[in-house]
Amino acid sequence: MNRRLQREHVFKIIFSYEFDIKENFTEHMKYYLEDIDSDDTESIAYIREKALKVIDLVDEIDQQINAKTKDWTTERIAKVEVAIIRLAVYEVFYDDEVPNSVAINEAIEIAKKFGGDSSPAFVNGVLANIVN
């Protein structure tokens, strides 16, 4: 499984976290990972670990987002975009293996696939404010 597909799975897990499953998040993620049609145990482990790391830091990540977005907060931003931005912020500030340009580009590509028409530009703008 390539990194983009892994990121998409991490994004979906982060996205699902917003829908009042916080109490059952670990169990929900376990079922989600079991449903991935792949025998690639390394990829499944990567997805699990990255999703857990992002969720573990979600309050800190949200503070970074909220501090850099004028008139927007994570509560006001659409859930799809929030999940994408959280993943990218994690990769930029907490994952030394991912170059910033890759994290931002991948976030834009995920926004193109899962967001609305204006999602890629919005995600790019928010991430530019956060990274700069």
N, C-alpha and C. Protein backbone atom coordinates (compact mmCIF):
# COMPACT_ATOMS: atom_id res chain seq x y z
N MET A 1 0.86 -1.17 0.00
CA MET A 1 0.00 0.00 0.00
C MET A 1 0.91 1.24 0.00
N ASN A 2 0.62 2.17 -0.89
CA ASN A 2 1.46 3.37 -0.96
C ASN A 2 1.08 4.37 0.14
N ARG A 3 1.97 5.36 0.33
CA ARG A 3 1.77 6.34 1.40
C ARG A 3 0.49 7.16 1.24
N ARG A 4 0.14 7.50 0.00
CA ARG A 4 -1.08 8.28 -0.19
C ARG A 4 -2.30 7.50 0.31
N LEU A 5 -2.38 6.25 -0.05
CA LEU A 5 -3.51 5.43 0.40
C LEU A 5 -3.48 5.27 1.92
N GLN A 6 -2.30 5.11 2.49
CA GLN A 6 -2.19 5.06 3.94
C GLN A 6 -2.72 6.35 4.56
N ARG A 7 -2.31 7.49 3.99
CA ARG A 7 -2.78 8.79 4.50
C ARG A 7 -4.30 8.91 4.40
N GLU A 8 -4.86 8.43 3.30
CA GLU A 8 -6.31 8.49 3.14
C GLU A 8 -7.00 7.70 4.24
N HIS A 9 -6.45 6.55 4.59
CA HIS A 9 -7.04 5.77 5.68
C HIS A 9 -6.89 6.50 7.01
N VAL A 10 -5.73 7.10 7.25
CA VAL A 10 -5.54 7.87 8.48
C VAL A 10 -6.54 9.02 8.52
N PHE A 11 -6.69 9.72 7.39
CA PHE A 11 -7.67 10.81 7.30
C PHE A 11 -9.07 10.31 7.67
N LYS A 12 -9.48 9.18 7.13
CA LYS A 12 -10.82 8.66 7.40
C LYS A 12 -11.01 8.34 8.89
N ILE A 13 -9.97 7.82 9.51
CA ILE A 13 -10.05 7.53 10.94
C ILE A 13 -10.16 8.82 11.74
N ILE A 14 -9.34 9.81 11.39
CA ILE A 14 -9.40 11.11 12.08
C ILE A 14 -10.77 11.75 11.87
N PHE A 15 -11.28 11.67 10.65
CA PHE A 15 -12.60 12.21 10.33
C PHE A 15 -13.67 11.56 11.20
N SER A 16 -13.61 10.25 11.32
CA SER A 16 -14.63 9.53 12.10
C SER A 16 -14.58 9.89 13.58
N TYR A 17 -13.42 10.31 14.05
CA TYR A 17 -13.25 10.68 15.46
C TYR A 17 -14.20 11.81 15.86
N GLU A 18 -14.58 12.65 14.93
CA GLU A 18 -15.43 13.80 15.20
C GLU A 18 -16.89 13.45 15.46
N PHE A 19 -17.29 12.25 15.16
CA PHE A 19 -18.71 11.91 15.20
C PHE A 19 -19.09 11.14 16.46
N ASP A 20 -18.77 11.74 17.60
CA ASP A 20 -19.20 11.22 18.90
C ASP A 20 -18.87 9.75 19.13
N ILE A 21 -17.75 9.32 18.58
CA ILE A 21 -17.33 7.96 18.88
C ILE A 21 -16.08 7.98 19.75
N LYS A 22 -15.80 9.10 20.37
CA LYS A 22 -14.57 9.26 21.14
C LYS A 22 -14.45 8.20 22.23
N GLU A 23 -15.56 7.85 22.84
CA GLU A 23 -15.53 6.85 23.90
C GLU A 23 -15.17 5.48 23.34
N ASN A 24 -15.59 5.19 22.15
CA ASN A 24 -15.36 3.88 21.53
C ASN A 24 -14.35 3.96 20.40
N PHE A 25 -13.52 4.98 20.41
CA PHE A 25 -12.64 5.23 19.27
C PHE A 25 -11.71 4.06 18.98
N THR A 26 -11.07 3.51 19.99
CA THR A 26 -10.12 2.42 19.77
C THR A 26 -10.81 1.22 19.15
N GLU A 27 -11.99 0.91 19.64
CA GLU A 27 -12.75 -0.22 19.09
C GLU A 27 -13.19 0.08 17.66
N HIS A 28 -13.66 1.29 17.42
CA HIS A 28 -14.07 1.69 16.07
C HIS A 28 -12.89 1.57 15.11
N MET A 29 -11.72 2.05 15.52
CA MET A 29 -10.55 2.00 14.66
C MET A 29 -10.16 0.54 14.38
N LYS A 30 -10.26 -0.30 15.38
CA LYS A 30 -9.93 -1.72 15.20
C LYS A 30 -10.81 -2.33 14.10
N TYR A 31 -12.11 -2.06 14.16
CA TYR A 31 -13.02 -2.59 13.14
C TYR A 31 -12.72 -1.99 11.76
N TYR A 32 -12.42 -0.70 11.74
CA TYR A 32 -12.08 -0.05 10.47
C TYR A 32 -10.86 -0.72 9.85
N LEU A 33 -9.82 -0.91 10.65
CA LEU A 33 -8.58 -1.50 10.13
C LEU A 33 -8.80 -2.94 9.67
N GLU A 34 -9.67 -3.67 10.36
CA GLU A 34 -9.97 -5.05 9.95
C GLU A 34 -10.67 -5.08 8.60
N ASP A 35 -11.41 -4.02 8.27
CA ASP A 35 -12.15 -3.96 7.00
C ASP A 35 -11.28 -3.56 5.82
N ILE A 36 -10.07 -3.07 6.07
CA ILE A 36 -9.19 -2.71 4.96
C ILE A 36 -8.77 -3.99 4.26
N ASP A 37 -8.98 -4.01 2.96
CA ASP A 37 -8.68 -5.20 2.17
C ASP A 37 -7.19 -5.21 1.83
N SER A 38 -6.39 -5.65 2.79
CA SER A 38 -4.95 -5.67 2.57
C SER A 38 -4.31 -6.66 3.53
N ASP A 39 -3.33 -7.39 3.00
CA ASP A 39 -2.53 -8.28 3.83
C ASP A 39 -1.24 -7.60 4.27
N ASP A 40 -1.12 -6.33 3.95
CA ASP A 40 0.08 -5.55 4.25
C ASP A 40 0.05 -5.11 5.71
N THR A 41 0.56 -5.97 6.58
CA THR A 41 0.50 -5.69 8.01
C THR A 41 1.31 -4.45 8.40
N GLU A 42 2.39 -4.17 7.66
CA GLU A 42 3.18 -2.97 7.95
C GLU A 42 2.35 -1.71 7.69
N SER A 43 1.60 -1.70 6.61
CA SER A 43 0.76 -0.54 6.30
C SER A 43 -0.34 -0.38 7.34
N ILE A 44 -0.96 -1.47 7.73
CA ILE A 44 -2.02 -1.40 8.74
C ILE A 44 -1.45 -0.86 10.05
N ALA A 45 -0.26 -1.32 10.42
CA ALA A 45 0.38 -0.82 11.65
C ALA A 45 0.71 0.66 11.52
N TYR A 46 1.18 1.08 10.35
CA TYR A 46 1.51 2.49 10.11
C TYR A 46 0.25 3.35 10.25
N ILE A 47 -0.84 2.91 9.65
CA ILE A 47 -2.11 3.65 9.71
C ILE A 47 -2.57 3.76 11.17
N ARG A 48 -2.56 2.66 11.88
CA ARG A 48 -2.98 2.63 13.28
C ARG A 48 -2.13 3.59 14.12
N GLU A 49 -0.81 3.48 13.99
CA GLU A 49 0.09 4.30 14.80
C GLU A 49 -0.07 5.79 14.49
N LYS A 50 -0.14 6.13 13.21
CA LYS A 50 -0.25 7.55 12.86
C LYS A 50 -1.60 8.11 13.32
N ALA A 51 -2.67 7.38 13.13
CA ALA A 51 -3.99 7.85 13.57
C ALA A 51 -4.01 8.06 15.08
N LEU A 52 -3.46 7.12 15.83
CA LEU A 52 -3.43 7.25 17.29
C LEU A 52 -2.59 8.44 17.73
N LYS A 53 -1.49 8.67 17.04
CA LYS A 53 -0.63 9.82 17.38
C LYS A 53 -1.36 11.13 17.13
N VAL A 54 -2.05 11.23 15.99
CA VAL A 54 -2.79 12.46 15.68
C VAL A 54 -3.89 12.68 16.72
N ILE A 55 -4.66 11.64 17.01
CA ILE A 55 -5.76 11.77 17.97
C ILE A 55 -5.22 12.11 19.36
N ASP A 56 -4.10 11.53 19.72
CA ASP A 56 -3.49 11.82 21.02
C ASP A 56 -3.11 13.29 21.15
N LEU A 57 -2.73 13.91 20.03
CA LEU A 57 -2.29 15.31 20.02
C LEU A 57 -3.37 16.26 19.50
N VAL A 58 -4.59 15.80 19.34
CA VAL A 58 -5.62 16.59 18.67
C VAL A 58 -5.85 17.95 19.35
N ASP A 59 -5.83 18.01 20.66
CA ASP A 59 -6.05 19.29 21.34
C ASP A 59 -4.91 20.27 21.05
N GLU A 60 -3.70 19.77 21.10
CA GLU A 60 -2.53 20.60 20.79
C GLU A 60 -2.53 21.04 19.33
N ILE A 61 -2.86 20.12 18.44
CA ILE A 61 -2.94 20.44 17.00
C ILE A 61 -4.02 21.49 16.76
N ASP A 62 -5.17 21.32 17.40
CA ASP A 62 -6.26 22.29 17.24
C ASP A 62 -5.84 23.67 17.74
N GLN A 63 -5.08 23.72 18.82
CA GLN A 63 -4.59 25.02 19.31
C GLN A 63 -3.71 25.69 18.26
N GLN A 64 -2.87 24.91 17.60
CA GLN A 64 -2.01 25.46 16.55
C GLN A 64 -2.85 25.98 15.39
N ILE A 65 -3.85 25.22 15.01
CA ILE A 65 -4.73 25.63 13.91
C ILE A 65 -5.48 26.90 14.30
N ASN A 66 -6.10 26.90 15.47
CA ASN A 66 -6.91 28.04 15.90
C ASN A 66 -6.08 29.31 16.08
N ALA A 67 -4.83 29.16 16.48
CA ALA A 67 -3.96 30.32 16.68
C ALA A 67 -3.59 31.00 15.36
N LYS A 68 -3.65 30.25 14.27
CA LYS A 68 -3.19 30.78 12.98
C LYS A 68 -4.31 31.05 11.98
N THR A 69 -5.54 30.75 12.34
CA THR A 69 -6.65 30.96 11.41
C THR A 69 -7.52 32.10 11.90
N LYS A 70 -7.51 33.16 11.16
CA LYS A 70 -8.30 34.34 11.53
C LYS A 70 -9.78 34.09 11.22
N ASP A 71 -10.62 34.31 12.19
CA ASP A 71 -12.07 34.16 12.06
C ASP A 71 -12.52 32.72 11.79
N TRP A 72 -11.62 31.76 11.92
CA TRP A 72 -11.98 30.36 11.74
C TRP A 72 -11.44 29.58 12.93
N THR A 73 -12.22 28.64 13.41
CA THR A 73 -11.75 27.72 14.44
C THR A 73 -12.03 26.31 13.95
N THR A 74 -11.45 25.35 14.62
CA THR A 74 -11.69 23.97 14.21
C THR A 74 -13.16 23.58 14.37
N GLU A 75 -13.87 24.28 15.24
CA GLU A 75 -15.31 24.01 15.39
C GLU A 75 -16.12 24.59 14.23
N ARG A 76 -15.59 25.60 13.58
CA ARG A 76 -16.31 26.26 12.49
C ARG A 76 -15.95 25.67 11.12
N ILE A 77 -14.76 25.15 11.00
CA ILE A 77 -14.29 24.57 9.73
C ILE A 77 -15.01 23.24 9.51
N ALA A 78 -15.35 22.95 8.26
CA ALA A 78 -16.02 21.68 7.93
C ALA A 78 -15.18 20.50 8.40
N LYS A 79 -15.85 19.46 8.84
CA LYS A 79 -15.17 18.31 9.43
C LYS A 79 -14.17 17.65 8.48
N VAL A 80 -14.49 17.59 7.20
CA VAL A 80 -13.55 17.01 6.24
C VAL A 80 -12.26 17.80 6.23
N GLU A 81 -12.37 19.11 6.12
CA GLU A 81 -11.18 19.95 6.08
C GLU A 81 -10.42 19.92 7.39
N VAL A 82 -11.12 19.88 8.51
CA VAL A 82 -10.45 19.81 9.81
C VAL A 82 -9.61 18.54 9.90
N ALA A 83 -10.17 17.42 9.49
CA ALA A 83 -9.43 16.15 9.54
C ALA A 83 -8.19 16.21 8.66
N ILE A 84 -8.33 16.76 7.47
CA ILE A 84 -7.19 16.88 6.55
C ILE A 84 -6.12 17.79 7.15
N ILE A 85 -6.53 18.92 7.67
CA ILE A 85 -5.58 19.89 8.24
C ILE A 85 -4.90 19.31 9.48
N ARG A 86 -5.65 18.60 10.31
CA ARG A 86 -5.04 17.97 11.49
C ARG A 86 -3.93 17.00 11.09
N LEU A 87 -4.21 16.19 10.10
CA LEU A 87 -3.20 15.23 9.63
C LEU A 87 -1.98 15.96 9.11
N ALA A 88 -2.18 16.99 8.30
CA ALA A 88 -1.06 17.74 7.74
C ALA A 88 -0.26 18.45 8.83
N VAL A 89 -0.94 19.06 9.78
CA VAL A 89 -0.24 19.74 10.88
C VAL A 89 0.58 18.72 11.68
N TYR A 90 0.01 17.56 11.91
CA TYR A 90 0.78 16.51 12.60
C TYR A 90 2.04 16.19 11.80
N GLU A 91 1.90 15.99 10.50
CA GLU A 91 3.06 15.62 9.69
C GLU A 91 4.10 16.74 9.64
N VAL A 92 3.66 17.98 9.59
CA VAL A 92 4.59 19.11 9.53
C VAL A 92 5.36 19.26 10.85
N PHE A 93 4.67 19.20 11.97
CA PHE A 93 5.30 19.54 13.25
C PHE A 93 5.75 18.35 14.10
N TYR A 94 5.22 17.17 13.83
CA TYR A 94 5.52 16.04 14.71
C TYR A 94 6.12 14.82 14.00
N ASP A 95 6.11 14.80 12.69
CA ASP A 95 6.62 13.64 11.94
C ASP A 95 7.82 14.08 11.12
N ASP A 96 9.00 13.80 11.62
CA ASP A 96 10.23 14.24 10.96
C ASP A 96 10.50 13.52 9.64
N GLU A 97 9.80 12.43 9.39
CA GLU A 97 10.03 11.67 8.17
C GLU A 97 9.32 12.26 6.95
N VAL A 98 8.39 13.19 7.18
CA VAL A 98 7.61 13.76 6.08
C VAL A 98 8.03 15.22 5.87
N PRO A 99 8.58 15.54 4.69
CA PRO A 99 8.91 16.95 4.41
C PRO A 99 7.64 17.80 4.40
N ASN A 100 7.76 19.05 4.82
CA ASN A 100 6.60 19.95 4.87
C ASN A 100 5.89 20.04 3.53
N SER A 101 6.66 20.16 2.45
CA SER A 101 6.04 20.29 1.13
C SER A 101 5.22 19.06 0.77
N VAL A 102 5.69 17.89 1.17
CA VAL A 102 4.95 16.65 0.91
C VAL A 102 3.67 16.63 1.74
N ALA A 103 3.76 16.99 3.01
CA ALA A 103 2.58 17.00 3.88
C ALA A 103 1.50 17.92 3.32
N ILE A 104 1.92 19.10 2.87
CA ILE A 104 0.96 20.08 2.33
C ILE A 104 0.38 19.59 1.02
N ASN A 105 1.22 19.10 0.12
CA ASN A 105 0.74 18.61 -1.17
C ASN A 105 -0.22 17.43 -0.99
N GLU A 106 0.12 16.52 -0.11
CA GLU A 106 -0.76 15.37 0.13
C GLU A 106 -2.10 15.82 0.72
N ALA A 107 -2.07 16.81 1.60
CA ALA A 107 -3.31 17.34 2.17
C ALA A 107 -4.20 17.92 1.07
N ILE A 108 -3.59 18.64 0.14
CA ILE A 108 -4.35 19.22 -0.97
C ILE A 108 -4.95 18.12 -1.84
N GLU A 109 -4.18 17.07 -2.10
CA GLU A 109 -4.68 15.96 -2.91
C GLU A 109 -5.84 15.24 -2.21
N ILE A 110 -5.73 15.05 -0.92
CA ILE A 110 -6.84 14.43 -0.17
C ILE A 110 -8.06 15.34 -0.20
N ALA A 111 -7.84 16.65 -0.10
CA ALA A 111 -8.96 17.61 -0.17
C ALA A 111 -9.64 17.55 -1.53
N LYS A 112 -8.88 17.38 -2.59
CA LYS A 112 -9.46 17.25 -3.93
C LYS A 112 -10.36 16.03 -4.02
N LYS A 113 -9.94 14.96 -3.39
CA LYS A 113 -10.68 13.70 -3.48
C LYS A 113 -11.90 13.66 -2.55
N PHE A 114 -11.76 14.18 -1.34
CA PHE A 114 -12.81 14.01 -0.34
C PHE A 114 -13.57 15.29 0.00
N GLY A 115 -13.04 16.44 -0.35
CA GLY A 115 -13.67 17.71 0.00
C GLY A 115 -14.52 18.26 -1.12
N GLY A 116 -15.04 19.45 -0.89
CA GLY A 116 -15.82 20.15 -1.89
C GLY A 116 -14.91 20.88 -2.87
N ASP A 117 -15.53 21.62 -3.78
CA ASP A 117 -14.78 22.32 -4.81
C ASP A 117 -13.76 23.31 -4.25
N SER A 118 -14.09 23.96 -3.17
CA SER A 118 -13.19 24.97 -2.60
C SER A 118 -12.24 24.39 -1.54
N SER A 119 -12.37 23.12 -1.23
CA SER A 119 -11.56 22.51 -0.18
C SER A 119 -10.06 22.59 -0.43
N PRO A 120 -9.58 22.24 -1.62
CA PRO A 120 -8.12 22.29 -1.82
C PRO A 120 -7.53 23.68 -1.58
N ALA A 121 -8.17 24.71 -2.09
CA ALA A 121 -7.66 26.07 -1.89
C ALA A 121 -7.74 26.47 -0.42
N PHE A 122 -8.82 26.09 0.25
CA PHE A 122 -8.97 26.42 1.67
C PHE A 122 -7.89 25.73 2.50
N VAL A 123 -7.72 24.43 2.28
CA VAL A 123 -6.70 23.66 3.02
C VAL A 123 -5.32 24.25 2.76
N ASN A 124 -5.03 24.56 1.52
CA ASN A 124 -3.73 25.15 1.17
C ASN A 124 -3.52 26.47 1.91
N GLY A 125 -4.54 27.32 1.92
CA GLY A 125 -4.43 28.62 2.59
C GLY A 125 -4.22 28.49 4.08
N VAL A 126 -4.97 27.61 4.71
CA VAL A 126 -4.83 27.41 6.16
C VAL A 126 -3.44 26.87 6.48
N LEU A 127 -3.01 25.87 5.72
CA LEU A 127 -1.69 25.29 5.99
C LEU A 127 -0.57 26.28 5.73
N ALA A 128 -0.72 27.13 4.72
CA ALA A 128 0.28 28.16 4.45
C ALA A 128 0.41 29.10 5.65
N ASN A 129 -0.73 29.49 6.24
CA ASN A 129 -0.71 30.35 7.43
C ASN A 129 -0.05 29.66 8.62
N ILE A 130 -0.31 28.39 8.77
CA ILE A 130 0.22 27.65 9.91
C ILE A 130 1.72 27.41 9.77
N VAL A 131 2.15 27.04 8.60
CA VAL A 131 3.55 26.69 8.38
C VAL A 131 4.45 27.92 8.33
N ASN A 132 3.93 29.02 7.80
CA ASN A 132 4.77 30.22 7.66
C ASN A 132 4.83 31.04 8.91
